[in-house]
Amino acid sequence: MDAQGERLLQDLVNQEKSLVAQVKDARSKAAGIIEAAEKERDKILQEARSTAEASATREAEAAAKEAEAAREAIVQVARDSAAALVVRAQAGKDRAVALVMEKVLP
């Protein structure tokens, strides 16, 4: 029975060693998986940042173009109004000169 007990004890030791090796291997694999996941996370975050920055730049450029177009439209309206006022003023001046001439030269 001593030999049988010794064999059982040796089997238990071997099983424990095997389990320890399996745990060590599982930890190593888990560490590798975690490292790969962290690298993937960092890559995804960087891509998201780059995409967000590019989108913000495009939006800012579009807003600047829109603002410039609005400014140009306002300036054009002001120029058109000024031109119309000049035409009206000239017409008023011509009419005033004609009236003065009628009074001065009957």
PDB file of N, CA and C in Angstrom:
ATOM      1  N   MET A   1       0.818  -1.192   0.000  1.00  0.00           N
ATOM      2  CA  MET A   1       0.000   0.000   0.000  1.00  0.00           C
ATOM      3  C   MET A   1       0.861   1.255   0.000  1.00  0.00           C
ATOM      4  N   ASP A   2       2.049   1.089   0.487  1.00  0.00           N
ATOM      5  CA  ASP A   2       2.964   2.202   0.482  1.00  0.00           C
ATOM      6  C   ASP A   2       3.292   2.643  -0.940  1.00  0.00           C
ATOM      7  N   ALA A   3       3.505   1.664  -1.800  1.00  0.00           N
ATOM      8  CA  ALA A   3       3.816   1.977  -3.197  1.00  0.00           C
ATOM      9  C   ALA A   3       2.633   2.651  -3.871  1.00  0.00           C
ATOM     10  N   GLN A   4       1.454   2.161  -3.548  1.00  0.00           N
ATOM     11  CA  GLN A   4       0.248   2.760  -4.140  1.00  0.00           C
ATOM     12  C   GLN A   4       0.057   4.187  -3.620  1.00  0.00           C
ATOM     13  N   GLY A   5       0.266   4.414  -2.375  1.00  0.00           N
ATOM     14  CA  GLY A   5       0.157   5.749  -1.785  1.00  0.00           C
ATOM     15  C   GLY A   5       1.196   6.687  -2.362  1.00  0.00           C
ATOM     16  N   GLU A   6       2.412   6.130  -2.544  1.00  0.00           N
ATOM     17  CA  GLU A   6       3.490   6.935  -3.137  1.00  0.00           C
ATOM     18  C   GLU A   6       3.136   7.319  -4.572  1.00  0.00           C
ATOM     19  N   ARG A   7       2.544   6.387  -5.314  1.00  0.00           N
ATOM     20  CA  ARG A   7       2.157   6.656  -6.692  1.00  0.00           C
ATOM     21  C   ARG A   7       1.048   7.705  -6.743  1.00  0.00           C
ATOM     22  N   LEU A   8       0.068   7.576  -5.836  1.00  0.00           N
ATOM     23  CA  LEU A   8      -1.019   8.566  -5.783  1.00  0.00           C
ATOM     24  C   LEU A   8      -0.471   9.950  -5.440  1.00  0.00           C
ATOM     25  N   LEU A   9       0.457   9.984  -4.485  1.00  0.00           N
ATOM     26  CA  LEU A   9       1.068  11.254  -4.103  1.00  0.00           C
ATOM     27  C   LEU A   9       1.836  11.857  -5.282  1.00  0.00           C
ATOM     28  N   GLN A  10       2.562  11.020  -5.987  1.00  0.00           N
ATOM     29  CA  GLN A  10       3.318  11.489  -7.160  1.00  0.00           C
ATOM     30  C   GLN A  10       2.356  11.978  -8.237  1.00  0.00           C
ATOM     31  N   ASP A  11       1.237  11.278  -8.432  1.00  0.00           N
ATOM     32  CA  ASP A  11       0.221  11.725  -9.407  1.00  0.00           C
ATOM     33  C   ASP A  11      -0.338  13.095  -9.031  1.00  0.00           C
ATOM     34  N   LEU A  12      -0.600  13.268  -7.738  1.00  0.00           N
ATOM     35  CA  LEU A  12      -1.109  14.565  -7.265  1.00  0.00           C
ATOM     36  C   LEU A  12      -0.083  15.680  -7.497  1.00  0.00           C
ATOM     37  N   VAL A  13       1.161  15.389  -7.219  1.00  0.00           N
ATOM     38  CA  VAL A  13       2.237  16.378  -7.446  1.00  0.00           C
ATOM     39  C   VAL A  13       2.313  16.713  -8.928  1.00  0.00           C
ATOM     40  N   ASN A  14       2.245  15.693  -9.770  1.00  0.00           N
ATOM     41  CA  ASN A  14       2.316  15.918 -11.221  1.00  0.00           C
ATOM     42  C   ASN A  14       1.108  16.730 -11.706  1.00  0.00           C
ATOM     43  N   GLN A  15      -0.066  16.404 -11.167  1.00  0.00           N
ATOM     44  CA  GLN A  15      -1.272  17.162 -11.542  1.00  0.00           C
ATOM     45  C   GLN A  15      -1.145  18.619 -11.106  1.00  0.00           C
ATOM     46  N   GLU A  16      -0.616  18.833  -9.905  1.00  0.00           N
ATOM     47  CA  GLU A  16      -0.446  20.199  -9.401  1.00  0.00           C
ATOM     48  C   GLU A  16       0.542  20.966 -10.285  1.00  0.00           C
ATOM     49  N   LYS A  17       1.631  20.304 -10.641  1.00  0.00           N
ATOM     50  CA  LYS A  17       2.613  20.945 -11.522  1.00  0.00           C
ATOM     51  C   LYS A  17       1.973  21.281 -12.867  1.00  0.00           C
ATOM     52  N   SER A  18       1.176  20.354 -13.364  1.00  0.00           N
ATOM     53  CA  SER A  18       0.495  20.571 -14.638  1.00  0.00           C
ATOM     54  C   SER A  18      -0.465  21.747 -14.540  1.00  0.00           C
ATOM     55  N   LEU A  19      -1.211  21.784 -13.438  1.00  0.00           N
ATOM     56  CA  LEU A  19      -2.155  22.889 -13.243  1.00  0.00           C
ATOM     57  C   LEU A  19      -1.420  24.221 -13.097  1.00  0.00           C
ATOM     58  N   VAL A  20      -0.317  24.227 -12.381  1.00  0.00           N
ATOM     59  CA  VAL A  20       0.480  25.447 -12.220  1.00  0.00           C
ATOM     60  C   VAL A  20       0.986  25.910 -13.586  1.00  0.00           C
ATOM     61  N   ALA A  21       1.436  24.980 -14.398  1.00  0.00           N
ATOM     62  CA  ALA A  21       1.918  25.323 -15.740  1.00  0.00           C
ATOM     63  C   ALA A  21       0.767  25.863 -16.597  1.00  0.00           C
ATOM     64  N   GLN A  22      -0.415  25.252 -16.474  1.00  0.00           N
ATOM     65  CA  GLN A  22      -1.572  25.712 -17.236  1.00  0.00           C
ATOM     66  C   GLN A  22      -1.975  27.125 -16.803  1.00  0.00           C
ATOM     67  N   VAL A  23      -1.952  27.377 -15.488  1.00  0.00           N
ATOM     68  CA  VAL A  23      -2.287  28.708 -14.977  1.00  0.00           C
ATOM     69  C   VAL A  23      -1.269  29.725 -15.477  1.00  0.00           C
ATOM     70  N   LYS A  24       0.007  29.354 -15.417  1.00  0.00           N
ATOM     71  CA  LYS A  24       1.072  30.251 -15.888  1.00  0.00           C
ATOM     72  C   LYS A  24       0.887  30.551 -17.380  1.00  0.00           C
ATOM     73  N   ASP A  25       0.576  29.522 -18.144  1.00  0.00           N
ATOM     74  CA  ASP A  25       0.344  29.688 -19.580  1.00  0.00           C
ATOM     75  C   ASP A  25      -0.885  30.570 -19.837  1.00  0.00           C
ATOM     76  N   ALA A  26      -1.956  30.345 -19.072  1.00  0.00           N
ATOM     77  CA  ALA A  26      -3.178  31.139 -19.221  1.00  0.00           C
ATOM     78  C   ALA A  26      -2.922  32.606 -18.875  1.00  0.00           C
ATOM     79  N   ARG A  27      -2.141  32.846 -17.821  1.00  0.00           N
ATOM     80  CA  ARG A  27      -1.787  34.221 -17.455  1.00  0.00           C
ATOM     81  C   ARG A  27      -0.979  34.893 -18.554  1.00  0.00           C
ATOM     82  N   SER A  28      -0.055  34.149 -19.107  1.00  0.00           N
ATOM     83  CA  SER A  28       0.774  34.684 -20.191  1.00  0.00           C
ATOM     84  C   SER A  28      -0.094  35.036 -21.409  1.00  0.00           C
ATOM     85  N   LYS A  29      -0.997  34.116 -21.761  1.00  0.00           N
ATOM     86  CA  LYS A  29      -1.900  34.378 -22.884  1.00  0.00           C
ATOM     87  C   LYS A  29      -2.816  35.565 -22.593  1.00  0.00           C
ATOM     88  N   ALA A  30      -3.308  35.650 -21.359  1.00  0.00           N
ATOM     89  CA  ALA A  30      -4.183  36.761 -20.969  1.00  0.00           C
ATOM     90  C   ALA A  30      -3.424  38.088 -21.062  1.00  0.00           C
ATOM     91  N   ALA A  31      -2.175  38.091 -20.616  1.00  0.00           N
ATOM     92  CA  ALA A  31      -1.367  39.309 -20.697  1.00  0.00           C
ATOM     93  C   ALA A  31      -1.181  39.724 -22.157  1.00  0.00           C
ATOM     94  N   GLY A  32      -0.942  38.745 -23.022  1.00  0.00           N
ATOM     95  CA  GLY A  32      -0.808  39.038 -24.451  1.00  0.00           C
ATOM     96  C   GLY A  32      -2.090  39.594 -25.044  1.00  0.00           C
ATOM     97  N   ILE A  33      -3.217  39.018 -24.647  1.00  0.00           N
ATOM     98  CA  ILE A  33      -4.520  39.479 -25.142  1.00  0.00           C
ATOM     99  C   ILE A  33      -4.789  40.900 -24.651  1.00  0.00           C
ATOM    100  N   ILE A  34      -4.470  41.151 -23.373  1.00  0.00           N
ATOM    101  CA  ILE A  34      -4.676  42.493 -22.817  1.00  0.00           C
ATOM    102  C   ILE A  34      -3.793  43.509 -23.541  1.00  0.00           C
ATOM    103  N   GLU A  35      -2.544  43.154 -23.776  1.00  0.00           N
ATOM    104  CA  GLU A  35      -1.629  44.052 -24.483  1.00  0.00           C
ATOM    105  C   GLU A  35      -2.131  44.348 -25.897  1.00  0.00           C
ATOM    106  N   ALA A  36      -2.580  43.317 -26.594  1.00  0.00           N
ATOM    107  CA  ALA A  36      -3.116  43.506 -27.947  1.00  0.00           C
ATOM    108  C   ALA A  36      -4.371  44.365 -27.913  1.00  0.00           C
ATOM    109  N   ALA A  37      -5.224  44.152 -26.927  1.00  0.00           N
ATOM    110  CA  ALA A  37      -6.455  44.947 -26.799  1.00  0.00           C
ATOM    111  C   ALA A  37      -6.122  46.399 -26.510  1.00  0.00           C
ATOM    112  N   GLU A  38      -5.123  46.653 -25.665  1.00  0.00           N
ATOM    113  CA  GLU A  38      -4.726  48.024 -25.364  1.00  0.00           C
ATOM    114  C   GLU A  38      -4.165  48.719 -26.604  1.00  0.00           C
ATOM    115  N   LYS A  39      -3.366  47.988 -27.384  1.00  0.00           N
ATOM    116  CA  LYS A  39      -2.838  48.561 -28.626  1.00  0.00           C
ATOM    117  C   LYS A  39      -3.967  48.880 -29.590  1.00  0.00           C
ATOM    118  N   GLU A  40      -4.930  47.980 -29.705  1.00  0.00           N
ATOM    119  CA  GLU A  40      -6.087  48.206 -30.589  1.00  0.00           C
ATOM    120  C   GLU A  40      -6.899  49.400 -30.102  1.00  0.00           C
ATOM    121  N   ARG A  41      -7.090  49.488 -28.782  1.00  0.00           N
ATOM    122  CA  ARG A  41      -7.813  50.626 -28.194  1.00  0.00           C
ATOM    123  C   ARG A  41      -7.108  51.941 -28.533  1.00  0.00           C
ATOM    124  N   ASP A  42      -5.784  51.954 -28.357  1.00  0.00           N
ATOM    125  CA  ASP A  42      -5.021  53.168 -28.651  1.00  0.00           C
ATOM    126  C   ASP A  42      -5.127  53.539 -30.126  1.00  0.00           C
ATOM    127  N   LYS A  43      -5.081  52.531 -30.984  1.00  0.00           N
ATOM    128  CA  LYS A  43      -5.195  52.771 -32.430  1.00  0.00           C
ATOM    129  C   LYS A  43      -6.573  53.345 -32.760  1.00  0.00           C
ATOM    130  N   ILE A  44      -7.608  52.769 -32.177  1.00  0.00           N
ATOM    131  CA  ILE A  44      -8.977  53.241 -32.432  1.00  0.00           C
ATOM    132  C   ILE A  44      -9.156  54.665 -31.918  1.00  0.00           C
ATOM    133  N   LEU A  45      -8.628  54.934 -30.725  1.00  0.00           N
ATOM    134  CA  LEU A  45      -8.723  56.287 -30.168  1.00  0.00           C
ATOM    135  C   LEU A  45      -7.994  57.302 -31.055  1.00  0.00           C
ATOM    136  N   GLN A  46      -6.821  56.934 -31.539  1.00  0.00           N
ATOM    137  CA  GLN A  46      -6.065  57.843 -32.403  1.00  0.00           C
ATOM    138  C   GLN A  46      -6.815  58.096 -33.711  1.00  0.00           C
ATOM    139  N   GLU A  47      -7.382  57.036 -34.277  1.00  0.00           N
ATOM    140  CA  GLU A  47      -8.165  57.202 -35.504  1.00  0.00           C
ATOM    141  C   GLU A  47      -9.377  58.092 -35.254  1.00  0.00           C
ATOM    142  N   ALA A  48     -10.025  57.901 -34.113  1.00  0.00           N
ATOM    143  CA  ALA A  48     -11.191  58.723 -33.767  1.00  0.00           C
ATOM    144  C   ALA A  48     -10.786  60.183 -33.599  1.00  0.00           C
ATOM    145  N   ARG A  49      -9.644  60.414 -32.937  1.00  0.00           N
ATOM    146  CA  ARG A  49      -9.151  61.795 -32.776  1.00  0.00           C
ATOM    147  C   ARG A  49      -8.847  62.419 -34.134  1.00  0.00           C
ATOM    148  N   SER A  50      -8.179  61.660 -34.974  1.00  0.00           N
ATOM    149  CA  SER A  50      -7.828  62.172 -36.306  1.00  0.00           C
ATOM    150  C   SER A  50      -9.085  62.490 -37.107  1.00  0.00           C
ATOM    151  N   THR A  51     -10.056  61.597 -37.047  1.00  0.00           N
ATOM    152  CA  THR A  51     -11.312  61.814 -37.761  1.00  0.00           C
ATOM    153  C   THR A  51     -12.029  63.043 -37.223  1.00  0.00           C
ATOM    154  N   ALA A  52     -12.053  63.186 -35.901  1.00  0.00           N
ATOM    155  CA  ALA A  52     -12.724  64.339 -35.282  1.00  0.00           C
ATOM    156  C   ALA A  52     -12.016  65.641 -35.653  1.00  0.00           C
ATOM    157  N   GLU A  53     -10.681  65.623 -35.639  1.00  0.00           N
ATOM    158  CA  GLU A  53      -9.927  66.823 -36.002  1.00  0.00           C
ATOM    159  C   GLU A  53     -10.164  67.192 -37.463  1.00  0.00           C
ATOM    160  N   ALA A  54     -10.159  66.201 -38.338  1.00  0.00           N
ATOM    161  CA  ALA A  54     -10.397  66.470 -39.762  1.00  0.00           C
ATOM    162  C   ALA A  54     -11.807  67.008 -39.970  1.00  0.00           C
ATOM    163  N   SER A  55     -12.765  66.431 -39.269  1.00  0.00           N
ATOM    164  CA  SER A  55     -14.148  66.886 -39.380  1.00  0.00           C
ATOM    165  C   SER A  55     -14.280  68.318 -38.871  1.00  0.00           C
ATOM    166  N   ALA A  56     -13.641  68.610 -37.745  1.00  0.00           N
ATOM    167  CA  ALA A  56     -13.694  69.973 -37.188  1.00  0.00           C
ATOM    168  C   ALA A  56     -13.051  70.972 -38.141  1.00  0.00           C
ATOM    169  N   THR A  57     -11.950  70.580 -38.763  1.00  0.00           N
ATOM    170  CA  THR A  57     -11.284  71.457 -39.724  1.00  0.00           C
ATOM    171  C   THR A  57     -12.181  71.717 -40.928  1.00  0.00           C
ATOM    172  N   ARG A  58     -12.809  70.657 -41.439  1.00  0.00           N
ATOM    173  CA  ARG A  58     -13.717  70.828 -42.581  1.00  0.00           C
ATOM    174  C   ARG A  58     -14.890  71.735 -42.219  1.00  0.00           C
ATOM    175  N   GLU A  59     -15.441  71.520 -41.032  1.00  0.00           N
ATOM    176  CA  GLU A  59     -16.578  72.345 -40.589  1.00  0.00           C
ATOM    177  C   GLU A  59     -16.156  73.798 -40.425  1.00  0.00           C
ATOM    178  N   ALA A  60     -14.978  74.029 -39.869  1.00  0.00           N
ATOM    179  CA  ALA A  60     -14.483  75.397 -39.691  1.00  0.00           C
ATOM    180  C   ALA A  60     -14.262  76.066 -41.044  1.00  0.00           C
ATOM    181  N   GLU A  61     -13.705  75.328 -41.988  1.00  0.00           N
ATOM    182  CA  GLU A  61     -13.482  75.884 -43.327  1.00  0.00           C
ATOM    183  C   GLU A  61     -14.812  76.200 -44.009  1.00  0.00           C
ATOM    184  N   ALA A  62     -15.767  75.307 -43.874  1.00  0.00           N
ATOM    185  CA  ALA A  62     -17.083  75.532 -44.470  1.00  0.00           C
ATOM    186  C   ALA A  62     -17.751  76.743 -43.837  1.00  0.00           C
ATOM    187  N   ALA A  63     -17.634  76.870 -42.509  1.00  0.00           N
ATOM    188  CA  ALA A  63     -18.230  78.018 -41.823  1.00  0.00           C
ATOM    189  C   ALA A  63     -17.559  79.313 -42.256  1.00  0.00           C
ATOM    190  N   ALA A  64     -16.238  79.284 -42.433  1.00  0.00           N
ATOM    191  CA  ALA A  64     -15.516  80.477 -42.882  1.00  0.00           C
ATOM    192  C   ALA A  64     -15.951  80.868 -44.297  1.00  0.00           C
ATOM    193  N   LYS A  65     -16.113  79.875 -45.168  1.00  0.00           N
ATOM    194  CA  LYS A  65     -16.567  80.167 -46.531  1.00  0.00           C
ATOM    195  C   LYS A  65     -17.978  80.741 -46.519  1.00  0.00           C
ATOM    196  N   GLU A  66     -18.829  80.164 -45.673  1.00  0.00           N
ATOM    197  CA  GLU A  66     -20.203  80.645 -45.573  1.00  0.00           C
ATOM    198  C   GLU A  66     -20.231  82.078 -45.036  1.00  0.00           C
ATOM    199  N   ALA A  67     -19.400  82.354 -44.034  1.00  0.00           N
ATOM    200  CA  ALA A  67     -19.334  83.711 -43.470  1.00  0.00           C
ATOM    201  C   ALA A  67     -18.820  84.694 -44.516  1.00  0.00           C
ATOM    202  N   GLU A  68     -17.832  84.287 -45.282  1.00  0.00           N
ATOM    203  CA  GLU A  68     -17.290  85.166 -46.330  1.00  0.00           C
ATOM    204  C   GLU A  68     -18.346  85.435 -47.392  1.00  0.00           C
ATOM    205  N   ALA A  69     -19.099  84.405 -47.764  1.00  0.00           N
ATOM    206  CA  ALA A  69     -20.167  84.589 -48.747  1.00  0.00           C
ATOM    207  C   ALA A  69     -21.233  85.544 -48.210  1.00  0.00           C
ATOM    208  N   ALA A  70     -21.556  85.414 -46.919  1.00  0.00           N
ATOM    209  CA  ALA A  70     -22.545  86.313 -46.309  1.00  0.00           C
ATOM    210  C   ALA A  70     -22.020  87.741 -46.288  1.00  0.00           C
ATOM    211  N   ARG A  71     -20.743  87.920 -45.941  1.00  0.00           N
ATOM    212  CA  ARG A  71     -20.141  89.267 -45.955  1.00  0.00           C
ATOM    213  C   ARG A  71     -20.183  89.865 -47.351  1.00  0.00           C
ATOM    214  N   GLU A  72     -19.827  89.067 -48.331  1.00  0.00           N
ATOM    215  CA  GLU A  72     -19.835  89.545 -49.716  1.00  0.00           C
ATOM    216  C   GLU A  72     -21.241  89.944 -50.147  1.00  0.00           C
ATOM    217  N   ALA A  73     -22.232  89.155 -49.747  1.00  0.00           N
ATOM    218  CA  ALA A  73     -23.617  89.477 -50.093  1.00  0.00           C
ATOM    219  C   ALA A  73     -24.035  90.790 -49.443  1.00  0.00           C
ATOM    220  N   ILE A  74     -23.656  90.991 -48.189  1.00  0.00           N
ATOM    221  CA  ILE A  74     -23.992  92.236 -47.487  1.00  0.00           C
ATOM    222  C   ILE A  74     -23.298  93.420 -48.150  1.00  0.00           C
ATOM    223  N   VAL A  75     -22.030  93.258 -48.479  1.00  0.00           N
ATOM    224  CA  VAL A  75     -21.283  94.338 -49.141  1.00  0.00           C
ATOM    225  C   VAL A  75     -21.910  94.653 -50.501  1.00  0.00           C
ATOM    226  N   GLN A  76     -22.313  93.605 -51.226  1.00  0.00           N
ATOM    227  CA  GLN A  76     -22.930  93.838 -52.533  1.00  0.00           C
ATOM    228  C   GLN A  76     -24.250  94.589 -52.397  1.00  0.00           C
ATOM    229  N   VAL A  77     -25.049  94.230 -51.411  1.00  0.00           N
ATOM    230  CA  VAL A  77     -26.311  94.935 -51.165  1.00  0.00           C
ATOM    231  C   VAL A  77     -26.020  96.391 -50.827  1.00  0.00           C
ATOM    232  N   ALA A  78     -25.005  96.632 -50.004  1.00  0.00           N
ATOM    233  CA  ALA A  78     -24.638  98.005 -49.646  1.00  0.00           C
ATOM    234  C   ALA A  78     -24.175  98.777 -50.882  1.00  0.00           C
ATOM    235  N   ARG A  79     -23.385  98.141 -51.722  1.00  0.00           N
ATOM    236  CA  ARG A  79     -22.920  98.806 -52.959  1.00  0.00           C
ATOM    237  C   ARG A  79     -24.098  99.131 -53.873  1.00  0.00           C
ATOM    238  N   ASP A  80     -25.003  98.153 -54.007  1.00  0.00           N
ATOM    239  CA  ASP A  80     -26.181  98.391 -54.850  1.00  0.00           C
ATOM    240  C   ASP A  80     -27.029  99.532 -54.299  1.00  0.00           C
ATOM    241  N   SER A  81     -27.202  99.562 -52.978  1.00  0.00           N
ATOM    242  CA  SER A  81     -27.972 100.639 -52.356  1.00  0.00           C
ATOM    243  C   SER A  81     -27.281 101.975 -52.556  1.00  0.00           C
ATOM    244  N   ALA A  82     -25.966 101.994 -52.398  1.00  0.00           N
ATOM    245  CA  ALA A  82     -25.212 103.229 -52.603  1.00  0.00           C
ATOM    246  C   ALA A  82     -25.325 103.695 -54.050  1.00  0.00           C
ATOM    247  N   ALA A  83     -25.254 102.750 -54.985  1.00  0.00           N
ATOM    248  CA  ALA A  83     -25.377 103.105 -56.397  1.00  0.00           C
ATOM    249  C   ALA A  83     -26.761 103.672 -56.685  1.00  0.00           C
ATOM    250  N   ALA A  84     -27.787 103.071 -56.090  1.00  0.00           N
ATOM    251  CA  ALA A  84     -29.145 103.564 -56.282  1.00  0.00           C
ATOM    252  C   ALA A  84     -29.293 104.966 -55.694  1.00  0.00           C
ATOM    253  N   LEU A  85     -28.678 105.205 -54.547  1.00  0.00           N
ATOM    254  CA  LEU A  85     -28.718 106.539 -53.938  1.00  0.00           C
ATOM    255  C   LEU A  85     -28.005 107.566 -54.806  1.00  0.00           C
ATOM    256  N   VAL A  86     -26.889 107.166 -55.394  1.00  0.00           N
ATOM    257  CA  VAL A  86     -26.157 108.075 -56.286  1.00  0.00           C
ATOM    258  C   VAL A  86     -27.035 108.437 -57.489  1.00  0.00           C
ATOM    259  N   VAL A  87     -27.718 107.435 -58.037  1.00  0.00           N
ATOM    260  CA  VAL A  87     -28.603 107.687 -59.184  1.00  0.00           C
ATOM    261  C   VAL A  87     -29.726 108.632 -58.769  1.00  0.00           C
ATOM    262  N   ARG A  88     -30.331 108.377 -57.611  1.00  0.00           N
ATOM    263  CA  ARG A  88     -31.418 109.253 -57.130  1.00  0.00           C
ATOM    264  C   ARG A  88     -30.894 110.666 -56.853  1.00  0.00           C
ATOM    265  N   ALA A  89     -29.698 110.740 -56.254  1.00  0.00           N
ATOM    266  CA  ALA A  89     -29.125 112.059 -55.961  1.00  0.00           C
ATOM    267  C   ALA A  89     -28.845 112.816 -57.252  1.00  0.00           C
ATOM    268  N   GLN A  90     -28.314 112.113 -58.219  1.00  0.00           N
ATOM    269  CA  GLN A  90     -28.020 112.759 -59.508  1.00  0.00           C
ATOM    270  C   GLN A  90     -29.301 113.237 -60.175  1.00  0.00           C
ATOM    271  N   ALA A  91     -30.344 112.402 -60.089  1.00  0.00           N
ATOM    272  CA  ALA A  91     -31.629 112.797 -60.670  1.00  0.00           C
ATOM    273  C   ALA A  91     -32.181 114.023 -59.944  1.00  0.00           C
ATOM    274  N   GLY A  92     -32.066 114.033 -58.625  1.00  0.00           N
ATOM    275  CA  GLY A  92     -32.517 115.173 -57.828  1.00  0.00           C
ATOM    276  C   GLY A  92     -31.702 116.406 -58.158  1.00  0.00           C
ATOM    277  N   LYS A  93     -30.415 116.246 -58.348  1.00  0.00           N
ATOM    278  CA  LYS A  93     -29.535 117.365 -58.693  1.00  0.00           C
ATOM    279  C   LYS A  93     -29.913 117.917 -60.054  1.00  0.00           C
ATOM    280  N   ASP A  94     -30.109 117.023 -61.012  1.00  0.00           N
ATOM    281  CA  ASP A  94     -30.483 117.460 -62.359  1.00  0.00           C
ATOM    282  C   ASP A  94     -31.816 118.204 -62.324  1.00  0.00           C
ATOM    283  N   ARG A  95     -32.746 117.705 -61.545  1.00  0.00           N
ATOM    284  CA  ARG A  95     -34.061 118.355 -61.433  1.00  0.00           C
ATOM    285  C   ARG A  95     -33.915 119.717 -60.766  1.00  0.00           C
ATOM    286  N   ALA A  96     -33.087 119.782 -59.712  1.00  0.00           N
ATOM    287  CA  ALA A  96     -32.871 121.051 -59.013  1.00  0.00           C
ATOM    288  C   ALA A  96     -32.216 122.065 -59.935  1.00  0.00           C
ATOM    289  N   VAL A  97     -31.241 121.620 -60.706  1.00  0.00           N
ATOM    290  CA  VAL A  97     -30.584 122.539 -61.662  1.00  0.00           C
ATOM    291  C   VAL A  97     -31.596 123.031 -62.684  1.00  0.00           C
ATOM    292  N   ALA A  98     -32.456 122.135 -63.152  1.00  0.00           N
ATOM    293  CA  ALA A  98     -33.467 122.525 -64.133  1.00  0.00           C
ATOM    294  C   ALA A  98     -34.425 123.546 -63.542  1.00  0.00           C
ATOM    295  N   LEU A  99     -34.842 123.354 -62.301  1.00  0.00           N
ATOM    296  CA  LEU A  99     -35.745 124.298 -61.645  1.00  0.00           C
ATOM    297  C   LEU A  99     -35.084 125.658 -61.454  1.00  0.00           C
ATOM    298  N   VAL A 100     -33.822 125.623 -61.011  1.00  0.00           N
ATOM    299  CA  VAL A 100     -33.103 126.882 -60.837  1.00  0.00           C
ATOM    300  C   VAL A 100     -32.958 127.582 -62.176  1.00  0.00           C
ATOM    301  N   MET A 101     -32.662 126.860 -63.185  1.00  0.00           N
ATOM    302  CA  MET A 101     -32.504 127.453 -64.519  1.00  0.00           C
ATOM    303  C   MET A 101     -33.807 128.048 -65.019  1.00  0.00           C
ATOM    304  N   GLU A 102     -34.931 127.418 -64.705  1.00  0.00           N
ATOM    305  CA  GLU A 102     -36.239 127.946 -65.091  1.00  0.00           C
ATOM    306  C   GLU A 102     -36.505 129.276 -64.389  1.00  0.00           C
ATOM    307  N   LYS A 103     -36.101 129.347 -63.131  1.00  0.00           N
ATOM    308  CA  LYS A 103     -36.343 130.558 -62.361  1.00  0.00           C
ATOM    309  C   LYS A 103     -35.377 131.668 -62.768  1.00  0.00           C
ATOM    310  N   VAL A 104     -34.140 131.307 -63.042  1.00  0.00           N
ATOM    311  CA  VAL A 104     -33.142 132.293 -63.399  1.00  0.00           C
ATOM    312  C   VAL A 104     -33.339 132.755 -64.840  1.00  0.00           C
ATOM    313  N   LEU A 105     -33.582 131.843 -65.715  1.00  0.00           N
ATOM    314  CA  LEU A 105     -33.753 132.169 -67.122  1.00  0.00           C
ATOM    315  C   LEU A 105     -35.193 131.876 -67.534  1.00  0.00           C
ATOM    316  N   PRO A 106     -36.011 132.842 -67.417  1.00  0.00           N
ATOM    317  CA  PRO A 106     -37.417 132.581 -67.717  1.00  0.00           C
ATOM    318  C   PRO A 106     -37.711 132.313 -69.188  1.00  0.00           C
TER     319      PRO A 106
END
